[in-house]
Structure formats: C-alpha cells, structure tokens
Amino acid sequence: MTVGLLSAIAAVFYGSTVSVLALTATFARRRTLRREARSTLSVLMRGRTVESRAASDGRQ
C-alpha cells in the first residue's frame, strides 16, 4: 500500500467519524448522548472549539 492510499483511507475514516458524531450531537434524543458526542467532537476538532465559542459570544 502506498502512503497516499493510507492517507486517503484515514481521511475518509476521520471524516465519517466526525460526521456521525455531528449528527448524533444534533439529533440524539437523549441529552447525555448529545453531550458526549459534543465532548468527543471538541476533542477531535480542538482548533475549532475556540473559534466557535468566540463566535457564539459575539466576539470575532
């Protein structure tokens, strides 16, 4: 296997994981499941949590 193929597989796996977590964080019926999904998303997307918090606070 080439490095490019492994990178593509990893990118697809990461993207699908983030997508499933985002859908779970949005549409889960139980509050605890939504909270856990959001917590996991914040770990996977560390740089974006600061930006989104600043945007929700009205800061830019």
PDB file of N, CA and C in Angstrom:
ATOM      1  N   MET A   1       0.844  -1.192   0.000  1.00  0.00           N
ATOM      2  CA  MET A   1       0.000   0.000   0.000  1.00  0.00           C
ATOM      3  C   MET A   1       0.880   1.242   0.000  1.00  0.00           C
ATOM      4  N   THR A   2       0.442   2.216  -0.710  1.00  0.00           N
ATOM      5  CA  THR A   2       1.209   3.445  -0.761  1.00  0.00           C
ATOM      6  C   THR A   2       0.755   4.382   0.359  1.00  0.00           C
ATOM      7  N   VAL A   3       1.596   5.356   0.607  1.00  0.00           N
ATOM      8  CA  VAL A   3       1.289   6.330   1.657  1.00  0.00           C
ATOM      9  C   VAL A   3       0.048   7.139   1.291  1.00  0.00           C
ATOM     10  N   GLY A   4      -0.124   7.455   0.021  1.00  0.00           N
ATOM     11  CA  GLY A   4      -1.295   8.212  -0.418  1.00  0.00           C
ATOM     12  C   GLY A   4      -2.596   7.471  -0.180  1.00  0.00           C
ATOM     13  N   LEU A   5      -2.578   6.166  -0.411  1.00  0.00           N
ATOM     14  CA  LEU A   5      -3.780   5.365  -0.186  1.00  0.00           C
ATOM     15  C   LEU A   5      -4.109   5.295   1.301  1.00  0.00           C
ATOM     16  N   LEU A   6      -3.100   5.122   2.126  1.00  0.00           N
ATOM     17  CA  LEU A   6      -3.326   5.100   3.573  1.00  0.00           C
ATOM     18  C   LEU A   6      -3.843   6.445   4.074  1.00  0.00           C
ATOM     19  N   SER A   7      -3.314   7.523   3.520  1.00  0.00           N
ATOM     20  CA  SER A   7      -3.787   8.858   3.902  1.00  0.00           C
ATOM     21  C   SER A   7      -5.242   9.063   3.488  1.00  0.00           C
ATOM     22  N   ALA A   8      -5.595   8.579   2.312  1.00  0.00           N
ATOM     23  CA  ALA A   8      -6.976   8.711   1.847  1.00  0.00           C
ATOM     24  C   ALA A   8      -7.925   7.903   2.729  1.00  0.00           C
ATOM     25  N   ILE A   9      -7.522   6.705   3.093  1.00  0.00           N
ATOM     26  CA  ILE A   9      -8.350   5.875   3.972  1.00  0.00           C
ATOM     27  C   ILE A   9      -8.522   6.543   5.331  1.00  0.00           C
ATOM     28  N   ALA A  10      -7.441   7.087   5.871  1.00  0.00           N
ATOM     29  CA  ALA A  10      -7.509   7.771   7.165  1.00  0.00           C
ATOM     30  C   ALA A  10      -8.409   9.006   7.082  1.00  0.00           C
ATOM     31  N   ALA A  11      -8.329   9.748   5.988  1.00  0.00           N
ATOM     32  CA  ALA A  11      -9.151  10.950   5.824  1.00  0.00           C
ATOM     33  C   ALA A  11     -10.634  10.591   5.740  1.00  0.00           C
ATOM     34  N   VAL A  12     -10.955   9.533   5.028  1.00  0.00           N
ATOM     35  CA  VAL A  12     -12.347   9.096   4.921  1.00  0.00           C
ATOM     36  C   VAL A  12     -12.861   8.616   6.271  1.00  0.00           C
ATOM     37  N   PHE A  13     -12.049   7.863   6.987  1.00  0.00           N
ATOM     38  CA  PHE A  13     -12.441   7.366   8.304  1.00  0.00           C
ATOM     39  C   PHE A  13     -12.658   8.521   9.279  1.00  0.00           C
ATOM     40  N   TYR A  14     -11.745   9.500   9.279  1.00  0.00           N
ATOM     41  CA  TYR A  14     -11.878  10.667  10.160  1.00  0.00           C
ATOM     42  C   TYR A  14     -13.127  11.480   9.799  1.00  0.00           C
ATOM     43  N   GLY A  15     -13.325  11.705   8.519  1.00  0.00           N
ATOM     44  CA  GLY A  15     -14.483  12.481   8.080  1.00  0.00           C
ATOM     45  C   GLY A  15     -15.796  11.807   8.424  1.00  0.00           C
ATOM     46  N   SER A  16     -15.856  10.497   8.251  1.00  0.00           N
ATOM     47  CA  SER A  16     -17.094   9.800   8.585  1.00  0.00           C
ATOM     48  C   SER A  16     -17.335   9.780  10.089  1.00  0.00           C
ATOM     49  N   THR A  17     -16.267   9.665  10.873  1.00  0.00           N
ATOM     50  CA  THR A  17     -16.409   9.703  12.329  1.00  0.00           C
ATOM     51  C   THR A  17     -16.940  11.052  12.789  1.00  0.00           C
ATOM     52  N   VAL A  18     -16.376  12.115  12.270  1.00  0.00           N
ATOM     53  CA  VAL A  18     -16.821  13.462  12.638  1.00  0.00           C
ATOM     54  C   VAL A  18     -18.266  13.684  12.190  1.00  0.00           C
ATOM     55  N   SER A  19     -18.623  13.186  11.011  1.00  0.00           N
ATOM     56  CA  SER A  19     -19.996  13.348  10.526  1.00  0.00           C
ATOM     57  C   SER A  19     -21.005  12.622  11.409  1.00  0.00           C
ATOM     58  N   VAL A  20     -20.688  11.399  11.784  1.00  0.00           N
ATOM     59  CA  VAL A  20     -21.597  10.637  12.648  1.00  0.00           C
ATOM     60  C   VAL A  20     -21.728  11.312  14.008  1.00  0.00           C
ATOM     61  N   LEU A  21     -20.616  11.803  14.549  1.00  0.00           N
ATOM     62  CA  LEU A  21     -20.681  12.492  15.839  1.00  0.00           C
ATOM     63  C   LEU A  21     -21.481  13.791  15.747  1.00  0.00           C
ATOM     64  N   ALA A  22     -21.330  14.520  14.656  1.00  0.00           N
ATOM     65  CA  ALA A  22     -22.083  15.762  14.492  1.00  0.00           C
ATOM     66  C   ALA A  22     -23.582  15.484  14.388  1.00  0.00           C
ATOM     67  N   LEU A  23     -23.939  14.447  13.655  1.00  0.00           N
ATOM     68  CA  LEU A  23     -25.356  14.083  13.556  1.00  0.00           C
ATOM     69  C   LEU A  23     -25.896  13.618  14.903  1.00  0.00           C
ATOM     70  N   THR A  24     -25.094  12.856  15.632  1.00  0.00           N
ATOM     71  CA  THR A  24     -25.516  12.403  16.957  1.00  0.00           C
ATOM     72  C   THR A  24     -25.667  13.576  17.911  1.00  0.00           C
ATOM     73  N   ALA A  25     -24.724  14.517  17.857  1.00  0.00           N
ATOM     74  CA  ALA A  25     -24.787  15.683  18.742  1.00  0.00           C
ATOM     75  C   ALA A  25     -25.990  16.562  18.431  1.00  0.00           C
ATOM     76  N   THR A  26     -26.475  16.491  17.214  1.00  0.00           N
ATOM     77  CA  THR A  26     -27.601  17.322  16.820  1.00  0.00           C
ATOM     78  C   THR A  26     -28.949  16.641  17.023  1.00  0.00           C
ATOM     79  N   PHE A  27     -29.039  15.361  16.658  1.00  0.00           N
ATOM     80  CA  PHE A  27     -30.345  14.715  16.580  1.00  0.00           C
ATOM     81  C   PHE A  27     -30.605  13.615  17.604  1.00  0.00           C
ATOM     82  N   ALA A  28     -29.699  13.379  18.526  1.00  0.00           N
ATOM     83  CA  ALA A  28     -29.927  12.326  19.525  1.00  0.00           C
ATOM     84  C   ALA A  28     -31.082  12.714  20.449  1.00  0.00           C
ATOM     85  N   ARG A  29     -31.843  11.741  20.842  1.00  0.00           N
ATOM     86  CA  ARG A  29     -32.992  12.018  21.711  1.00  0.00           C
ATOM     87  C   ARG A  29     -32.570  12.275  23.146  1.00  0.00           C
ATOM     88  N   ARG A  30     -31.549  11.556  23.602  1.00  0.00           N
ATOM     89  CA  ARG A  30     -31.126  11.705  25.000  1.00  0.00           C
ATOM     90  C   ARG A  30     -30.096  12.819  25.138  1.00  0.00           C
ATOM     91  N   ARG A  31     -30.264  13.627  26.157  1.00  0.00           N
ATOM     92  CA  ARG A  31     -29.372  14.750  26.408  1.00  0.00           C
ATOM     93  C   ARG A  31     -27.947  14.286  26.690  1.00  0.00           C
ATOM     94  N   THR A  32     -27.808  13.186  27.422  1.00  0.00           N
ATOM     95  CA  THR A  32     -26.459  12.702  27.761  1.00  0.00           C
ATOM     96  C   THR A  32     -25.712  12.238  26.515  1.00  0.00           C
ATOM     97  N   LEU A  33     -26.410  11.613  25.586  1.00  0.00           N
ATOM     98  CA  LEU A  33     -25.768  11.177  24.352  1.00  0.00           C
ATOM     99  C   LEU A  33     -25.319  12.368  23.522  1.00  0.00           C
ATOM    100  N   ARG A  34     -26.156  13.406  23.449  1.00  0.00           N
ATOM    101  CA  ARG A  34     -25.756  14.627  22.730  1.00  0.00           C
ATOM    102  C   ARG A  34     -24.541  15.263  23.381  1.00  0.00           C
ATOM    103  N   ARG A  35     -24.533  15.317  24.718  1.00  0.00           N
ATOM    104  CA  ARG A  35     -23.414  15.917  25.441  1.00  0.00           C
ATOM    105  C   ARG A  35     -22.113  15.151  25.188  1.00  0.00           C
ATOM    106  N   GLU A  36     -22.182  13.821  25.227  1.00  0.00           N
ATOM    107  CA  GLU A  36     -20.996  13.003  24.979  1.00  0.00           C
ATOM    108  C   GLU A  36     -20.484  13.169  23.554  1.00  0.00           C
ATOM    109  N   ALA A  37     -21.400  13.259  22.598  1.00  0.00           N
ATOM    110  CA  ALA A  37     -20.999  13.447  21.209  1.00  0.00           C
ATOM    111  C   ALA A  37     -20.327  14.809  21.027  1.00  0.00           C
ATOM    112  N   ARG A  38     -20.853  15.840  21.668  1.00  0.00           N
ATOM    113  CA  ARG A  38     -20.230  17.168  21.582  1.00  0.00           C
ATOM    114  C   ARG A  38     -18.866  17.178  22.241  1.00  0.00           C
ATOM    115  N   SER A  39     -18.741  16.470  23.332  1.00  0.00           N
ATOM    116  CA  SER A  39     -17.454  16.381  24.022  1.00  0.00           C
ATOM    117  C   SER A  39     -16.415  15.707  23.133  1.00  0.00           C
ATOM    118  N   THR A  40     -16.804  14.628  22.482  1.00  0.00           N
ATOM    119  CA  THR A  40     -15.884  13.925  21.592  1.00  0.00           C
ATOM    120  C   THR A  40     -15.533  14.781  20.388  1.00  0.00           C
ATOM    121  N   LEU A  41     -16.501  15.511  19.852  1.00  0.00           N
ATOM    122  CA  LEU A  41     -16.211  16.415  18.737  1.00  0.00           C
ATOM    123  C   LEU A  41     -15.227  17.498  19.138  1.00  0.00           C
ATOM    124  N   SER A  42     -15.339  18.004  20.343  1.00  0.00           N
ATOM    125  CA  SER A  42     -14.414  19.053  20.773  1.00  0.00           C
ATOM    126  C   SER A  42     -12.992  18.520  20.889  1.00  0.00           C
ATOM    127  N   VAL A  43     -12.844  17.241  21.207  1.00  0.00           N
ATOM    128  CA  VAL A  43     -11.509  16.643  21.257  1.00  0.00           C
ATOM    129  C   VAL A  43     -10.960  16.465  19.844  1.00  0.00           C
ATOM    130  N   LEU A  44     -11.794  16.018  18.925  1.00  0.00           N
ATOM    131  CA  LEU A  44     -11.334  15.780  17.563  1.00  0.00           C
ATOM    132  C   LEU A  44     -11.058  17.063  16.800  1.00  0.00           C
ATOM    133  N   MET A  45     -11.761  18.129  17.130  1.00  0.00           N
ATOM    134  CA  MET A  45     -11.613  19.384  16.403  1.00  0.00           C
ATOM    135  C   MET A  45     -11.177  20.482  17.369  1.00  0.00           C
ATOM    136  N   ARG A  46     -10.027  20.325  17.954  1.00  0.00           N
ATOM    137  CA  ARG A  46      -9.549  21.236  19.005  1.00  0.00           C
ATOM    138  C   ARG A  46      -9.481  22.688  18.566  1.00  0.00           C
ATOM    139  N   GLY A  47      -8.934  22.984  17.408  1.00  0.00           N
ATOM    140  CA  GLY A  47      -8.767  24.360  16.968  1.00  0.00           C
ATOM    141  C   GLY A  47     -10.073  25.081  16.726  1.00  0.00           C
ATOM    142  N   ARG A  48     -11.099  24.360  16.365  1.00  0.00           N
ATOM    143  CA  ARG A  48     -12.380  24.980  16.038  1.00  0.00           C
ATOM    144  C   ARG A  48     -13.216  25.319  17.258  1.00  0.00           C
ATOM    145  N   THR A  49     -12.971  24.692  18.388  1.00  0.00           N
ATOM    146  CA  THR A  49     -13.797  24.967  19.563  1.00  0.00           C
ATOM    147  C   THR A  49     -13.588  26.389  20.040  1.00  0.00           C
ATOM    148  N   VAL A  50     -12.370  26.885  19.976  1.00  0.00           N
ATOM    149  CA  VAL A  50     -12.097  28.252  20.414  1.00  0.00           C
ATOM    150  C   VAL A  50     -12.781  29.235  19.486  1.00  0.00           C
ATOM    151  N   GLU A  51     -12.716  28.980  18.183  1.00  0.00           N
ATOM    152  CA  GLU A  51     -13.348  29.869  17.218  1.00  0.00           C
ATOM    153  C   GLU A  51     -14.858  29.881  17.378  1.00  0.00           C
ATOM    154  N   SER A  52     -15.454  28.725  17.574  1.00  0.00           N
ATOM    155  CA  SER A  52     -16.921  28.678  17.670  1.00  0.00           C
ATOM    156  C   SER A  52     -17.404  29.311  18.973  1.00  0.00           C
ATOM    157  N   ARG A  53     -16.664  29.151  20.046  1.00  0.00           N
ATOM    158  CA  ARG A  53     -17.044  29.789  21.307  1.00  0.00           C
ATOM    159  C   ARG A  53     -16.950  31.301  21.184  1.00  0.00           C
ATOM    160  N   ALA A  54     -15.902  31.787  20.516  1.00  0.00           N
ATOM    161  CA  ALA A  54     -15.755  33.224  20.348  1.00  0.00           C
ATOM    162  C   ALA A  54     -16.882  33.774  19.468  1.00  0.00           C
ATOM    163  N   ALA A  55     -17.269  33.034  18.455  1.00  0.00           N
ATOM    164  CA  ALA A  55     -18.355  33.475  17.576  1.00  0.00           C
ATOM    165  C   ALA A  55     -19.690  33.473  18.320  1.00  0.00           C
ATOM    166  N   SER A  56     -19.904  32.491  19.183  1.00  0.00           N
ATOM    167  CA  SER A  56     -21.173  32.444  19.903  1.00  0.00           C
ATOM    168  C   SER A  56     -21.245  33.513  20.997  1.00  0.00           C
ATOM    169  N   ASP A  57     -20.083  33.979  21.464  1.00  0.00           N
ATOM    170  CA  ASP A  57     -20.054  35.041  22.458  1.00  0.00           C
ATOM    171  C   ASP A  57     -20.191  36.412  21.817  1.00  0.00           C
ATOM    172  N   GLY A  58     -20.163  36.475  20.491  1.00  0.00           N
ATOM    173  CA  GLY A  58     -20.264  37.757  19.812  1.00  0.00           C
ATOM    174  C   GLY A  58     -18.923  38.374  19.512  1.00  0.00           C
ATOM    175  N   ARG A  59     -17.854  37.680  19.853  1.00  0.00           N
ATOM    176  CA  ARG A  59     -16.518  38.203  19.569  1.00  0.00           C
ATOM    177  C   ARG A  59     -16.047  37.691  18.223  1.00  0.00           C
ATOM    178  N   GLN A  60     -15.113  38.405  17.618  1.00  0.00           N
ATOM    179  CA  GLN A  60     -14.534  37.960  16.340  1.00  0.00           C
ATOM    180  C   GLN A  60     -13.039  38.022  16.364  1.00  0.00           C
TER     181      GLN A  60
END
